[in-house]
Amino acid sequence: LILGAQQRLADQGVAARVISMPSW
């Protein structure tokens, strides 16, 4: 889901980093 959100943000010129955190 957040990979899709990252792409949509990038399309709007917003840089975003995706972090997968499987274990706190």
PDBML (XML) file of the C-alpha atoms, coordinates in Angstrom:
<?xml version="1.0" encoding="UTF-8" ?>
<PDBx:datablock datablockName="MODEL"
   xmlns:PDBx="http://pdbml.pdb.org/schema/pdbx-v50.xsd"
   xmlns:xsi="http://www.w3.org/2001/XMLSchema-instance"
   xsi:schemaLocation="http://pdbml.pdb.org/schema/pdbx-v50.xsd pdbx-v50.xsd">
   <PDBx:atom_siteCategory>
      <PDBx:atom_site id="1">
         <PDBx:B_iso_or_equiv>0.00</PDBx:B_iso_or_equiv>
         <PDBx:Cartn_x>0.000</PDBx:Cartn_x>
         <PDBx:Cartn_y>0.000</PDBx:Cartn_y>
         <PDBx:Cartn_z>0.000</PDBx:Cartn_z>
         <PDBx:auth_asym_id>A</PDBx:auth_asym_id>
         <PDBx:auth_atom_id>CA</PDBx:auth_atom_id>
         <PDBx:auth_comp_id>LEU</PDBx:auth_comp_id>
         <PDBx:auth_seq_id>1</PDBx:auth_seq_id>
         <PDBx:group_PDB>ATOM</PDBx:group_PDB>
         <PDBx:label_alt_id xsi:nil="true" />
         <PDBx:label_asym_id>A</PDBx:label_asym_id>
         <PDBx:label_atom_id>CA</PDBx:label_atom_id>
         <PDBx:label_comp_id>LEU</PDBx:label_comp_id>
         <PDBx:label_entity_id>1</PDBx:label_entity_id>
         <PDBx:label_seq_id>1</PDBx:label_seq_id>
         <PDBx:occupancy>1.00</PDBx:occupancy>
         <PDBx:pdbx_PDB_model_num>1</PDBx:pdbx_PDB_model_num>
         <PDBx:type_symbol>C</PDBx:type_symbol>
      </PDBx:atom_site>
      <PDBx:atom_site id="2">
         <PDBx:B_iso_or_equiv>0.00</PDBx:B_iso_or_equiv>
         <PDBx:Cartn_x>2.711</PDBx:Cartn_x>
         <PDBx:Cartn_y>2.471</PDBx:Cartn_y>
         <PDBx:Cartn_z>0.877</PDBx:Cartn_z>
         <PDBx:auth_asym_id>A</PDBx:auth_asym_id>
         <PDBx:auth_atom_id>CA</PDBx:auth_atom_id>
         <PDBx:auth_comp_id>ILE</PDBx:auth_comp_id>
         <PDBx:auth_seq_id>2</PDBx:auth_seq_id>
         <PDBx:group_PDB>ATOM</PDBx:group_PDB>
         <PDBx:label_alt_id xsi:nil="true" />
         <PDBx:label_asym_id>A</PDBx:label_asym_id>
         <PDBx:label_atom_id>CA</PDBx:label_atom_id>
         <PDBx:label_comp_id>ILE</PDBx:label_comp_id>
         <PDBx:label_entity_id>1</PDBx:label_entity_id>
         <PDBx:label_seq_id>2</PDBx:label_seq_id>
         <PDBx:occupancy>1.00</PDBx:occupancy>
         <PDBx:pdbx_PDB_model_num>1</PDBx:pdbx_PDB_model_num>
         <PDBx:type_symbol>C</PDBx:type_symbol>
      </PDBx:atom_site>
      <PDBx:atom_site id="3">
         <PDBx:B_iso_or_equiv>0.00</PDBx:B_iso_or_equiv>
         <PDBx:Cartn_x>4.657</PDBx:Cartn_x>
         <PDBx:Cartn_y>1.667</PDBx:Cartn_y>
         <PDBx:Cartn_z>-2.282</PDBx:Cartn_z>
         <PDBx:auth_asym_id>A</PDBx:auth_asym_id>
         <PDBx:auth_atom_id>CA</PDBx:auth_atom_id>
         <PDBx:auth_comp_id>LEU</PDBx:auth_comp_id>
         <PDBx:auth_seq_id>3</PDBx:auth_seq_id>
         <PDBx:group_PDB>ATOM</PDBx:group_PDB>
         <PDBx:label_alt_id xsi:nil="true" />
         <PDBx:label_asym_id>A</PDBx:label_asym_id>
         <PDBx:label_atom_id>CA</PDBx:label_atom_id>
         <PDBx:label_comp_id>LEU</PDBx:label_comp_id>
         <PDBx:label_entity_id>1</PDBx:label_entity_id>
         <PDBx:label_seq_id>3</PDBx:label_seq_id>
         <PDBx:occupancy>1.00</PDBx:occupancy>
         <PDBx:pdbx_PDB_model_num>1</PDBx:pdbx_PDB_model_num>
         <PDBx:type_symbol>C</PDBx:type_symbol>
      </PDBx:atom_site>
      <PDBx:atom_site id="4">
         <PDBx:B_iso_or_equiv>0.00</PDBx:B_iso_or_equiv>
         <PDBx:Cartn_x>1.563</PDBx:Cartn_x>
         <PDBx:Cartn_y>2.720</PDBx:Cartn_y>
         <PDBx:Cartn_z>-4.206</PDBx:Cartn_z>
         <PDBx:auth_asym_id>A</PDBx:auth_asym_id>
         <PDBx:auth_atom_id>CA</PDBx:auth_atom_id>
         <PDBx:auth_comp_id>GLY</PDBx:auth_comp_id>
         <PDBx:auth_seq_id>4</PDBx:auth_seq_id>
         <PDBx:group_PDB>ATOM</PDBx:group_PDB>
         <PDBx:label_alt_id xsi:nil="true" />
         <PDBx:label_asym_id>A</PDBx:label_asym_id>
         <PDBx:label_atom_id>CA</PDBx:label_atom_id>
         <PDBx:label_comp_id>GLY</PDBx:label_comp_id>
         <PDBx:label_entity_id>1</PDBx:label_entity_id>
         <PDBx:label_seq_id>4</PDBx:label_seq_id>
         <PDBx:occupancy>1.00</PDBx:occupancy>
         <PDBx:pdbx_PDB_model_num>1</PDBx:pdbx_PDB_model_num>
         <PDBx:type_symbol>C</PDBx:type_symbol>
      </PDBx:atom_site>
      <PDBx:atom_site id="5">
         <PDBx:B_iso_or_equiv>0.00</PDBx:B_iso_or_equiv>
         <PDBx:Cartn_x>1.279</PDBx:Cartn_x>
         <PDBx:Cartn_y>5.857</PDBx:Cartn_y>
         <PDBx:Cartn_z>-2.068</PDBx:Cartn_z>
         <PDBx:auth_asym_id>A</PDBx:auth_asym_id>
         <PDBx:auth_atom_id>CA</PDBx:auth_atom_id>
         <PDBx:auth_comp_id>ALA</PDBx:auth_comp_id>
         <PDBx:auth_seq_id>5</PDBx:auth_seq_id>
         <PDBx:group_PDB>ATOM</PDBx:group_PDB>
         <PDBx:label_alt_id xsi:nil="true" />
         <PDBx:label_asym_id>A</PDBx:label_asym_id>
         <PDBx:label_atom_id>CA</PDBx:label_atom_id>
         <PDBx:label_comp_id>ALA</PDBx:label_comp_id>
         <PDBx:label_entity_id>1</PDBx:label_entity_id>
         <PDBx:label_seq_id>5</PDBx:label_seq_id>
         <PDBx:occupancy>1.00</PDBx:occupancy>
         <PDBx:pdbx_PDB_model_num>1</PDBx:pdbx_PDB_model_num>
         <PDBx:type_symbol>C</PDBx:type_symbol>
      </PDBx:atom_site>
      <PDBx:atom_site id="6">
         <PDBx:B_iso_or_equiv>0.00</PDBx:B_iso_or_equiv>
         <PDBx:Cartn_x>4.938</PDBx:Cartn_x>
         <PDBx:Cartn_y>6.644</PDBx:Cartn_y>
         <PDBx:Cartn_z>-2.705</PDBx:Cartn_z>
         <PDBx:auth_asym_id>A</PDBx:auth_asym_id>
         <PDBx:auth_atom_id>CA</PDBx:auth_atom_id>
         <PDBx:auth_comp_id>GLN</PDBx:auth_comp_id>
         <PDBx:auth_seq_id>6</PDBx:auth_seq_id>
         <PDBx:group_PDB>ATOM</PDBx:group_PDB>
         <PDBx:label_alt_id xsi:nil="true" />
         <PDBx:label_asym_id>A</PDBx:label_asym_id>
         <PDBx:label_atom_id>CA</PDBx:label_atom_id>
         <PDBx:label_comp_id>GLN</PDBx:label_comp_id>
         <PDBx:label_entity_id>1</PDBx:label_entity_id>
         <PDBx:label_seq_id>6</PDBx:label_seq_id>
         <PDBx:occupancy>1.00</PDBx:occupancy>
         <PDBx:pdbx_PDB_model_num>1</PDBx:pdbx_PDB_model_num>
         <PDBx:type_symbol>C</PDBx:type_symbol>
      </PDBx:atom_site>
      <PDBx:atom_site id="7">
         <PDBx:B_iso_or_equiv>0.00</PDBx:B_iso_or_equiv>
         <PDBx:Cartn_x>4.327</PDBx:Cartn_x>
         <PDBx:Cartn_y>6.490</PDBx:Cartn_y>
         <PDBx:Cartn_z>-6.460</PDBx:Cartn_z>
         <PDBx:auth_asym_id>A</PDBx:auth_asym_id>
         <PDBx:auth_atom_id>CA</PDBx:auth_atom_id>
         <PDBx:auth_comp_id>GLN</PDBx:auth_comp_id>
         <PDBx:auth_seq_id>7</PDBx:auth_seq_id>
         <PDBx:group_PDB>ATOM</PDBx:group_PDB>
         <PDBx:label_alt_id xsi:nil="true" />
         <PDBx:label_asym_id>A</PDBx:label_asym_id>
         <PDBx:label_atom_id>CA</PDBx:label_atom_id>
         <PDBx:label_comp_id>GLN</PDBx:label_comp_id>
         <PDBx:label_entity_id>1</PDBx:label_entity_id>
         <PDBx:label_seq_id>7</PDBx:label_seq_id>
         <PDBx:occupancy>1.00</PDBx:occupancy>
         <PDBx:pdbx_PDB_model_num>1</PDBx:pdbx_PDB_model_num>
         <PDBx:type_symbol>C</PDBx:type_symbol>
      </PDBx:atom_site>
      <PDBx:atom_site id="8">
         <PDBx:B_iso_or_equiv>0.00</PDBx:B_iso_or_equiv>
         <PDBx:Cartn_x>1.293</PDBx:Cartn_x>
         <PDBx:Cartn_y>8.767</PDBx:Cartn_y>
         <PDBx:Cartn_z>-6.230</PDBx:Cartn_z>
         <PDBx:auth_asym_id>A</PDBx:auth_asym_id>
         <PDBx:auth_atom_id>CA</PDBx:auth_atom_id>
         <PDBx:auth_comp_id>ARG</PDBx:auth_comp_id>
         <PDBx:auth_seq_id>8</PDBx:auth_seq_id>
         <PDBx:group_PDB>ATOM</PDBx:group_PDB>
         <PDBx:label_alt_id xsi:nil="true" />
         <PDBx:label_asym_id>A</PDBx:label_asym_id>
         <PDBx:label_atom_id>CA</PDBx:label_atom_id>
         <PDBx:label_comp_id>ARG</PDBx:label_comp_id>
         <PDBx:label_entity_id>1</PDBx:label_entity_id>
         <PDBx:label_seq_id>8</PDBx:label_seq_id>
         <PDBx:occupancy>1.00</PDBx:occupancy>
         <PDBx:pdbx_PDB_model_num>1</PDBx:pdbx_PDB_model_num>
         <PDBx:type_symbol>C</PDBx:type_symbol>
      </PDBx:atom_site>
      <PDBx:atom_site id="9">
         <PDBx:B_iso_or_equiv>0.00</PDBx:B_iso_or_equiv>
         <PDBx:Cartn_x>3.267</PDBx:Cartn_x>
         <PDBx:Cartn_y>11.244</PDBx:Cartn_y>
         <PDBx:Cartn_z>-4.140</PDBx:Cartn_z>
         <PDBx:auth_asym_id>A</PDBx:auth_asym_id>
         <PDBx:auth_atom_id>CA</PDBx:auth_atom_id>
         <PDBx:auth_comp_id>LEU</PDBx:auth_comp_id>
         <PDBx:auth_seq_id>9</PDBx:auth_seq_id>
         <PDBx:group_PDB>ATOM</PDBx:group_PDB>
         <PDBx:label_alt_id xsi:nil="true" />
         <PDBx:label_asym_id>A</PDBx:label_asym_id>
         <PDBx:label_atom_id>CA</PDBx:label_atom_id>
         <PDBx:label_comp_id>LEU</PDBx:label_comp_id>
         <PDBx:label_entity_id>1</PDBx:label_entity_id>
         <PDBx:label_seq_id>9</PDBx:label_seq_id>
         <PDBx:occupancy>1.00</PDBx:occupancy>
         <PDBx:pdbx_PDB_model_num>1</PDBx:pdbx_PDB_model_num>
         <PDBx:type_symbol>C</PDBx:type_symbol>
      </PDBx:atom_site>
      <PDBx:atom_site id="10">
         <PDBx:B_iso_or_equiv>0.00</PDBx:B_iso_or_equiv>
         <PDBx:Cartn_x>6.165</PDBx:Cartn_x>
         <PDBx:Cartn_y>11.112</PDBx:Cartn_y>
         <PDBx:Cartn_z>-6.621</PDBx:Cartn_z>
         <PDBx:auth_asym_id>A</PDBx:auth_asym_id>
         <PDBx:auth_atom_id>CA</PDBx:auth_atom_id>
         <PDBx:auth_comp_id>ALA</PDBx:auth_comp_id>
         <PDBx:auth_seq_id>10</PDBx:auth_seq_id>
         <PDBx:group_PDB>ATOM</PDBx:group_PDB>
         <PDBx:label_alt_id xsi:nil="true" />
         <PDBx:label_asym_id>A</PDBx:label_asym_id>
         <PDBx:label_atom_id>CA</PDBx:label_atom_id>
         <PDBx:label_comp_id>ALA</PDBx:label_comp_id>
         <PDBx:label_entity_id>1</PDBx:label_entity_id>
         <PDBx:label_seq_id>10</PDBx:label_seq_id>
         <PDBx:occupancy>1.00</PDBx:occupancy>
         <PDBx:pdbx_PDB_model_num>1</PDBx:pdbx_PDB_model_num>
         <PDBx:type_symbol>C</PDBx:type_symbol>
      </PDBx:atom_site>
      <PDBx:atom_site id="11">
         <PDBx:B_iso_or_equiv>0.00</PDBx:B_iso_or_equiv>
         <PDBx:Cartn_x>3.707</PDBx:Cartn_x>
         <PDBx:Cartn_y>11.878</PDBx:Cartn_y>
         <PDBx:Cartn_z>-9.439</PDBx:Cartn_z>
         <PDBx:auth_asym_id>A</PDBx:auth_asym_id>
         <PDBx:auth_atom_id>CA</PDBx:auth_atom_id>
         <PDBx:auth_comp_id>ASP</PDBx:auth_comp_id>
         <PDBx:auth_seq_id>11</PDBx:auth_seq_id>
         <PDBx:group_PDB>ATOM</PDBx:group_PDB>
         <PDBx:label_alt_id xsi:nil="true" />
         <PDBx:label_asym_id>A</PDBx:label_asym_id>
         <PDBx:label_atom_id>CA</PDBx:label_atom_id>
         <PDBx:label_comp_id>ASP</PDBx:label_comp_id>
         <PDBx:label_entity_id>1</PDBx:label_entity_id>
         <PDBx:label_seq_id>11</PDBx:label_seq_id>
         <PDBx:occupancy>1.00</PDBx:occupancy>
         <PDBx:pdbx_PDB_model_num>1</PDBx:pdbx_PDB_model_num>
         <PDBx:type_symbol>C</PDBx:type_symbol>
      </PDBx:atom_site>
      <PDBx:atom_site id="12">
         <PDBx:B_iso_or_equiv>0.00</PDBx:B_iso_or_equiv>
         <PDBx:Cartn_x>2.851</PDBx:Cartn_x>
         <PDBx:Cartn_y>15.057</PDBx:Cartn_y>
         <PDBx:Cartn_z>-7.489</PDBx:Cartn_z>
         <PDBx:auth_asym_id>A</PDBx:auth_asym_id>
         <PDBx:auth_atom_id>CA</PDBx:auth_atom_id>
         <PDBx:auth_comp_id>GLN</PDBx:auth_comp_id>
         <PDBx:auth_seq_id>12</PDBx:auth_seq_id>
         <PDBx:group_PDB>ATOM</PDBx:group_PDB>
         <PDBx:label_alt_id xsi:nil="true" />
         <PDBx:label_asym_id>A</PDBx:label_asym_id>
         <PDBx:label_atom_id>CA</PDBx:label_atom_id>
         <PDBx:label_comp_id>GLN</PDBx:label_comp_id>
         <PDBx:label_entity_id>1</PDBx:label_entity_id>
         <PDBx:label_seq_id>12</PDBx:label_seq_id>
         <PDBx:occupancy>1.00</PDBx:occupancy>
         <PDBx:pdbx_PDB_model_num>1</PDBx:pdbx_PDB_model_num>
         <PDBx:type_symbol>C</PDBx:type_symbol>
      </PDBx:atom_site>
      <PDBx:atom_site id="13">
         <PDBx:B_iso_or_equiv>0.00</PDBx:B_iso_or_equiv>
         <PDBx:Cartn_x>6.513</PDBx:Cartn_x>
         <PDBx:Cartn_y>15.954</PDBx:Cartn_y>
         <PDBx:Cartn_z>-6.950</PDBx:Cartn_z>
         <PDBx:auth_asym_id>A</PDBx:auth_asym_id>
         <PDBx:auth_atom_id>CA</PDBx:auth_atom_id>
         <PDBx:auth_comp_id>GLY</PDBx:auth_comp_id>
         <PDBx:auth_seq_id>13</PDBx:auth_seq_id>
         <PDBx:group_PDB>ATOM</PDBx:group_PDB>
         <PDBx:label_alt_id xsi:nil="true" />
         <PDBx:label_asym_id>A</PDBx:label_asym_id>
         <PDBx:label_atom_id>CA</PDBx:label_atom_id>
         <PDBx:label_comp_id>GLY</PDBx:label_comp_id>
         <PDBx:label_entity_id>1</PDBx:label_entity_id>
         <PDBx:label_seq_id>13</PDBx:label_seq_id>
         <PDBx:occupancy>1.00</PDBx:occupancy>
         <PDBx:pdbx_PDB_model_num>1</PDBx:pdbx_PDB_model_num>
         <PDBx:type_symbol>C</PDBx:type_symbol>
      </PDBx:atom_site>
      <PDBx:atom_site id="14">
         <PDBx:B_iso_or_equiv>0.00</PDBx:B_iso_or_equiv>
         <PDBx:Cartn_x>6.651</PDBx:Cartn_x>
         <PDBx:Cartn_y>14.822</PDBx:Cartn_y>
         <PDBx:Cartn_z>-3.316</PDBx:Cartn_z>
         <PDBx:auth_asym_id>A</PDBx:auth_asym_id>
         <PDBx:auth_atom_id>CA</PDBx:auth_atom_id>
         <PDBx:auth_comp_id>VAL</PDBx:auth_comp_id>
         <PDBx:auth_seq_id>14</PDBx:auth_seq_id>
         <PDBx:group_PDB>ATOM</PDBx:group_PDB>
         <PDBx:label_alt_id xsi:nil="true" />
         <PDBx:label_asym_id>A</PDBx:label_asym_id>
         <PDBx:label_atom_id>CA</PDBx:label_atom_id>
         <PDBx:label_comp_id>VAL</PDBx:label_comp_id>
         <PDBx:label_entity_id>1</PDBx:label_entity_id>
         <PDBx:label_seq_id>14</PDBx:label_seq_id>
         <PDBx:occupancy>1.00</PDBx:occupancy>
         <PDBx:pdbx_PDB_model_num>1</PDBx:pdbx_PDB_model_num>
         <PDBx:type_symbol>C</PDBx:type_symbol>
      </PDBx:atom_site>
      <PDBx:atom_site id="15">
         <PDBx:B_iso_or_equiv>0.00</PDBx:B_iso_or_equiv>
         <PDBx:Cartn_x>9.657</PDBx:Cartn_x>
         <PDBx:Cartn_y>12.726</PDBx:Cartn_y>
         <PDBx:Cartn_z>-2.309</PDBx:Cartn_z>
         <PDBx:auth_asym_id>A</PDBx:auth_asym_id>
         <PDBx:auth_atom_id>CA</PDBx:auth_atom_id>
         <PDBx:auth_comp_id>ALA</PDBx:auth_comp_id>
         <PDBx:auth_seq_id>15</PDBx:auth_seq_id>
         <PDBx:group_PDB>ATOM</PDBx:group_PDB>
         <PDBx:label_alt_id xsi:nil="true" />
         <PDBx:label_asym_id>A</PDBx:label_asym_id>
         <PDBx:label_atom_id>CA</PDBx:label_atom_id>
         <PDBx:label_comp_id>ALA</PDBx:label_comp_id>
         <PDBx:label_entity_id>1</PDBx:label_entity_id>
         <PDBx:label_seq_id>15</PDBx:label_seq_id>
         <PDBx:occupancy>1.00</PDBx:occupancy>
         <PDBx:pdbx_PDB_model_num>1</PDBx:pdbx_PDB_model_num>
         <PDBx:type_symbol>C</PDBx:type_symbol>
      </PDBx:atom_site>
      <PDBx:atom_site id="16">
         <PDBx:B_iso_or_equiv>0.00</PDBx:B_iso_or_equiv>
         <PDBx:Cartn_x>8.931</PDBx:Cartn_x>
         <PDBx:Cartn_y>9.892</PDBx:Cartn_y>
         <PDBx:Cartn_z>0.118</PDBx:Cartn_z>
         <PDBx:auth_asym_id>A</PDBx:auth_asym_id>
         <PDBx:auth_atom_id>CA</PDBx:auth_atom_id>
         <PDBx:auth_comp_id>ALA</PDBx:auth_comp_id>
         <PDBx:auth_seq_id>16</PDBx:auth_seq_id>
         <PDBx:group_PDB>ATOM</PDBx:group_PDB>
         <PDBx:label_alt_id xsi:nil="true" />
         <PDBx:label_asym_id>A</PDBx:label_asym_id>
         <PDBx:label_atom_id>CA</PDBx:label_atom_id>
         <PDBx:label_comp_id>ALA</PDBx:label_comp_id>
         <PDBx:label_entity_id>1</PDBx:label_entity_id>
         <PDBx:label_seq_id>16</PDBx:label_seq_id>
         <PDBx:occupancy>1.00</PDBx:occupancy>
         <PDBx:pdbx_PDB_model_num>1</PDBx:pdbx_PDB_model_num>
         <PDBx:type_symbol>C</PDBx:type_symbol>
      </PDBx:atom_site>
      <PDBx:atom_site id="17">
         <PDBx:B_iso_or_equiv>0.00</PDBx:B_iso_or_equiv>
         <PDBx:Cartn_x>11.016</PDBx:Cartn_x>
         <PDBx:Cartn_y>7.057</PDBx:Cartn_y>
         <PDBx:Cartn_z>1.492</PDBx:Cartn_z>
         <PDBx:auth_asym_id>A</PDBx:auth_asym_id>
         <PDBx:auth_atom_id>CA</PDBx:auth_atom_id>
         <PDBx:auth_comp_id>ARG</PDBx:auth_comp_id>
         <PDBx:auth_seq_id>17</PDBx:auth_seq_id>
         <PDBx:group_PDB>ATOM</PDBx:group_PDB>
         <PDBx:label_alt_id xsi:nil="true" />
         <PDBx:label_asym_id>A</PDBx:label_asym_id>
         <PDBx:label_atom_id>CA</PDBx:label_atom_id>
         <PDBx:label_comp_id>ARG</PDBx:label_comp_id>
         <PDBx:label_entity_id>1</PDBx:label_entity_id>
         <PDBx:label_seq_id>17</PDBx:label_seq_id>
         <PDBx:occupancy>1.00</PDBx:occupancy>
         <PDBx:pdbx_PDB_model_num>1</PDBx:pdbx_PDB_model_num>
         <PDBx:type_symbol>C</PDBx:type_symbol>
      </PDBx:atom_site>
      <PDBx:atom_site id="18">
         <PDBx:B_iso_or_equiv>0.00</PDBx:B_iso_or_equiv>
         <PDBx:Cartn_x>9.393</PDBx:Cartn_x>
         <PDBx:Cartn_y>3.676</PDBx:Cartn_y>
         <PDBx:Cartn_z>2.112</PDBx:Cartn_z>
         <PDBx:auth_asym_id>A</PDBx:auth_asym_id>
         <PDBx:auth_atom_id>CA</PDBx:auth_atom_id>
         <PDBx:auth_comp_id>VAL</PDBx:auth_comp_id>
         <PDBx:auth_seq_id>18</PDBx:auth_seq_id>
         <PDBx:group_PDB>ATOM</PDBx:group_PDB>
         <PDBx:label_alt_id xsi:nil="true" />
         <PDBx:label_asym_id>A</PDBx:label_asym_id>
         <PDBx:label_atom_id>CA</PDBx:label_atom_id>
         <PDBx:label_comp_id>VAL</PDBx:label_comp_id>
         <PDBx:label_entity_id>1</PDBx:label_entity_id>
         <PDBx:label_seq_id>18</PDBx:label_seq_id>
         <PDBx:occupancy>1.00</PDBx:occupancy>
         <PDBx:pdbx_PDB_model_num>1</PDBx:pdbx_PDB_model_num>
         <PDBx:type_symbol>C</PDBx:type_symbol>
      </PDBx:atom_site>
      <PDBx:atom_site id="19">
         <PDBx:B_iso_or_equiv>0.00</PDBx:B_iso_or_equiv>
         <PDBx:Cartn_x>10.529</PDBx:Cartn_x>
         <PDBx:Cartn_y>1.790</PDBx:Cartn_y>
         <PDBx:Cartn_z>5.196</PDBx:Cartn_z>
         <PDBx:auth_asym_id>A</PDBx:auth_asym_id>
         <PDBx:auth_atom_id>CA</PDBx:auth_atom_id>
         <PDBx:auth_comp_id>ILE</PDBx:auth_comp_id>
         <PDBx:auth_seq_id>19</PDBx:auth_seq_id>
         <PDBx:group_PDB>ATOM</PDBx:group_PDB>
         <PDBx:label_alt_id xsi:nil="true" />
         <PDBx:label_asym_id>A</PDBx:label_asym_id>
         <PDBx:label_atom_id>CA</PDBx:label_atom_id>
         <PDBx:label_comp_id>ILE</PDBx:label_comp_id>
         <PDBx:label_entity_id>1</PDBx:label_entity_id>
         <PDBx:label_seq_id>19</PDBx:label_seq_id>
         <PDBx:occupancy>1.00</PDBx:occupancy>
         <PDBx:pdbx_PDB_model_num>1</PDBx:pdbx_PDB_model_num>
         <PDBx:type_symbol>C</PDBx:type_symbol>
      </PDBx:atom_site>
      <PDBx:atom_site id="20">
         <PDBx:B_iso_or_equiv>0.00</PDBx:B_iso_or_equiv>
         <PDBx:Cartn_x>9.559</PDBx:Cartn_x>
         <PDBx:Cartn_y>-1.818</PDBx:Cartn_y>
         <PDBx:Cartn_z>5.804</PDBx:Cartn_z>
         <PDBx:auth_asym_id>A</PDBx:auth_asym_id>
         <PDBx:auth_atom_id>CA</PDBx:auth_atom_id>
         <PDBx:auth_comp_id>SER</PDBx:auth_comp_id>
         <PDBx:auth_seq_id>20</PDBx:auth_seq_id>
         <PDBx:group_PDB>ATOM</PDBx:group_PDB>
         <PDBx:label_alt_id xsi:nil="true" />
         <PDBx:label_asym_id>A</PDBx:label_asym_id>
         <PDBx:label_atom_id>CA</PDBx:label_atom_id>
         <PDBx:label_comp_id>SER</PDBx:label_comp_id>
         <PDBx:label_entity_id>1</PDBx:label_entity_id>
         <PDBx:label_seq_id>20</PDBx:label_seq_id>
         <PDBx:occupancy>1.00</PDBx:occupancy>
         <PDBx:pdbx_PDB_model_num>1</PDBx:pdbx_PDB_model_num>
         <PDBx:type_symbol>C</PDBx:type_symbol>
      </PDBx:atom_site>
      <PDBx:atom_site id="21">
         <PDBx:B_iso_or_equiv>0.00</PDBx:B_iso_or_equiv>
         <PDBx:Cartn_x>9.704</PDBx:Cartn_x>
         <PDBx:Cartn_y>-2.452</PDBx:Cartn_y>
         <PDBx:Cartn_z>9.547</PDBx:Cartn_z>
         <PDBx:auth_asym_id>A</PDBx:auth_asym_id>
         <PDBx:auth_atom_id>CA</PDBx:auth_atom_id>
         <PDBx:auth_comp_id>MET</PDBx:auth_comp_id>
         <PDBx:auth_seq_id>21</PDBx:auth_seq_id>
         <PDBx:group_PDB>ATOM</PDBx:group_PDB>
         <PDBx:label_alt_id xsi:nil="true" />
         <PDBx:label_asym_id>A</PDBx:label_asym_id>
         <PDBx:label_atom_id>CA</PDBx:label_atom_id>
         <PDBx:label_comp_id>MET</PDBx:label_comp_id>
         <PDBx:label_entity_id>1</PDBx:label_entity_id>
         <PDBx:label_seq_id>21</PDBx:label_seq_id>
         <PDBx:occupancy>1.00</PDBx:occupancy>
         <PDBx:pdbx_PDB_model_num>1</PDBx:pdbx_PDB_model_num>
         <PDBx:type_symbol>C</PDBx:type_symbol>
      </PDBx:atom_site>
      <PDBx:atom_site id="22">
         <PDBx:B_iso_or_equiv>0.00</PDBx:B_iso_or_equiv>
         <PDBx:Cartn_x>8.697</PDBx:Cartn_x>
         <PDBx:Cartn_y>-6.075</PDBx:Cartn_y>
         <PDBx:Cartn_z>10.161</PDBx:Cartn_z>
         <PDBx:auth_asym_id>A</PDBx:auth_asym_id>
         <PDBx:auth_atom_id>CA</PDBx:auth_atom_id>
         <PDBx:auth_comp_id>PRO</PDBx:auth_comp_id>
         <PDBx:auth_seq_id>22</PDBx:auth_seq_id>
         <PDBx:group_PDB>ATOM</PDBx:group_PDB>
         <PDBx:label_alt_id xsi:nil="true" />
         <PDBx:label_asym_id>A</PDBx:label_asym_id>
         <PDBx:label_atom_id>CA</PDBx:label_atom_id>
         <PDBx:label_comp_id>PRO</PDBx:label_comp_id>
         <PDBx:label_entity_id>1</PDBx:label_entity_id>
         <PDBx:label_seq_id>22</PDBx:label_seq_id>
         <PDBx:occupancy>1.00</PDBx:occupancy>
         <PDBx:pdbx_PDB_model_num>1</PDBx:pdbx_PDB_model_num>
         <PDBx:type_symbol>C</PDBx:type_symbol>
      </PDBx:atom_site>
      <PDBx:atom_site id="23">
         <PDBx:B_iso_or_equiv>0.00</PDBx:B_iso_or_equiv>
         <PDBx:Cartn_x>9.872</PDBx:Cartn_x>
         <PDBx:Cartn_y>-6.045</PDBx:Cartn_y>
         <PDBx:Cartn_z>13.798</PDBx:Cartn_z>
         <PDBx:auth_asym_id>A</PDBx:auth_asym_id>
         <PDBx:auth_atom_id>CA</PDBx:auth_atom_id>
         <PDBx:auth_comp_id>SER</PDBx:auth_comp_id>
         <PDBx:auth_seq_id>23</PDBx:auth_seq_id>
         <PDBx:group_PDB>ATOM</PDBx:group_PDB>
         <PDBx:label_alt_id xsi:nil="true" />
         <PDBx:label_asym_id>A</PDBx:label_asym_id>
         <PDBx:label_atom_id>CA</PDBx:label_atom_id>
         <PDBx:label_comp_id>SER</PDBx:label_comp_id>
         <PDBx:label_entity_id>1</PDBx:label_entity_id>
         <PDBx:label_seq_id>23</PDBx:label_seq_id>
         <PDBx:occupancy>1.00</PDBx:occupancy>
         <PDBx:pdbx_PDB_model_num>1</PDBx:pdbx_PDB_model_num>
         <PDBx:type_symbol>C</PDBx:type_symbol>
      </PDBx:atom_site>
      <PDBx:atom_site id="24">
         <PDBx:B_iso_or_equiv>0.00</PDBx:B_iso_or_equiv>
         <PDBx:Cartn_x>9.899</PDBx:Cartn_x>
         <PDBx:Cartn_y>-3.124</PDBx:Cartn_y>
         <PDBx:Cartn_z>16.212</PDBx:Cartn_z>
         <PDBx:auth_asym_id>A</PDBx:auth_asym_id>
         <PDBx:auth_atom_id>CA</PDBx:auth_atom_id>
         <PDBx:auth_comp_id>TRP</PDBx:auth_comp_id>
         <PDBx:auth_seq_id>24</PDBx:auth_seq_id>
         <PDBx:group_PDB>ATOM</PDBx:group_PDB>
         <PDBx:label_alt_id xsi:nil="true" />
         <PDBx:label_asym_id>A</PDBx:label_asym_id>
         <PDBx:label_atom_id>CA</PDBx:label_atom_id>
         <PDBx:label_comp_id>TRP</PDBx:label_comp_id>
         <PDBx:label_entity_id>1</PDBx:label_entity_id>
         <PDBx:label_seq_id>24</PDBx:label_seq_id>
         <PDBx:occupancy>1.00</PDBx:occupancy>
         <PDBx:pdbx_PDB_model_num>1</PDBx:pdbx_PDB_model_num>
         <PDBx:type_symbol>C</PDBx:type_symbol>
      </PDBx:atom_site>
   </PDBx:atom_siteCategory>
</PDBx:datablock>
